[in-house]
Protein backbone atom coordinates (compact mmCIF):
# COMPACT_ATOMS: atom_id res chain seq x y z
CA MET A 1 81.81 91.28 75.91
CA ALA A 2 81.87 92.66 79.46
CA GLU A 3 85.54 91.74 79.75
CA THR A 4 86.32 93.73 76.58
CA GLU A 5 84.46 96.75 78.00
CA GLU A 6 86.38 96.51 81.27
CA THR A 7 89.67 96.19 79.39
CA THR A 8 88.79 99.30 77.38
CA ASN A 9 87.87 101.16 80.57
CA ILE A 10 91.15 100.11 82.20
CA GLU A 11 93.08 101.38 79.20
CA GLU A 12 91.16 104.65 79.28
CA LEU A 13 91.94 105.04 82.99
CA LYS A 14 95.61 104.28 82.39
CA THR A 15 95.72 106.94 79.68
CA LYS A 16 94.10 109.44 82.05
CA ILE A 17 96.61 108.46 84.75
CA LYS A 18 99.52 109.13 82.39
CA ARG A 19 98.18 112.60 81.61
CA LEU A 20 97.58 113.37 85.26
CA ASN A 21 101.06 112.08 86.17
CA SER A 22 102.54 114.61 83.79
CA LYS A 23 100.43 117.43 85.24
CA ALA A 24 101.15 116.29 88.80
CA GLY A 25 104.87 116.29 88.12
CA GLN A 26 104.67 119.88 86.93
CA MET A 27 102.61 120.89 89.95
CA LYS A 28 105.10 119.22 92.26
CA MET A 29 107.89 121.24 90.66
CA ASP A 30 105.85 124.44 90.97
CA LEU A 31 105.29 123.74 94.66
CA HIS A 32 109.00 122.99 95.11
CA ASP A 33 109.99 126.20 93.36
CA LEU A 34 107.54 128.18 95.46
CA ALA A 35 108.86 126.60 98.67
CA GLU A 36 112.46 127.36 97.69
CA GLY A 37 111.57 131.01 97.12
CA LEU A 38 109.90 131.50 100.49
CA PRO A 39 109.11 133.93 101.99
CA THR A 40 108.52 135.50 98.57
CA ASP A 41 105.04 134.66 97.24
CA TYR A 42 104.09 132.91 100.49
CA GLU A 43 100.49 134.01 99.91
CA ASN A 44 100.30 131.54 96.98
CA LEU A 45 101.55 128.61 99.03
CA MET A 46 98.17 127.31 100.22
CA ASP A 47 96.58 127.50 96.75
CA VAL A 48 99.46 125.70 95.07
CA ALA A 49 99.66 123.11 97.84
CA GLU A 50 95.90 122.47 97.70
CA ALA A 51 95.93 122.04 93.91
CA THR A 52 98.89 119.68 94.17
CA TYR A 53 97.17 117.69 96.89
CA LYS A 54 93.99 117.38 94.84
CA ILE A 55 95.73 116.07 91.75
CA TYR A 56 97.73 113.51 93.73
CA SER A 57 94.55 112.44 95.52
CA GLN A 58 92.82 112.03 92.16
CA LEU A 59 95.75 110.01 90.84
CA ASN A 60 95.59 107.72 93.85
CA GLU A 61 91.88 107.19 93.35
CA LEU A 62 92.29 106.34 89.65
CA LYS A 63 95.11 103.90 90.39
CA GLN A 64 92.90 102.16 92.95
CA GLN A 65 90.12 101.91 90.38
CA VAL A 66 92.48 100.29 87.90
CA LYS A 67 93.69 97.80 90.54
CA ASN A 68 90.13 96.88 91.46
CA MET A 69 89.12 96.49 87.82
CA GLU A 70 92.15 94.31 87.07
CA LYS A 71 91.32 92.04 90.01
CA LYS A 72 87.88 91.40 88.48
CA LEU A 73 89.35 90.24 85.15
């Protein structure tokens, strides 16, 4: 039963990762667009960069969780 729960949790994490990947891709493009337009809107650079950093950090953490959970199976 515990293995089934872990498998379900892994699948839930993978679904969350897919959603975050989509959002992260959009944020990466937003950051790229902002960087290309510099110096226009430079005051938004730190906020956009910080948000992009946070989502990629969260993605990395979730991927590590999945790896660790898969090792236990």
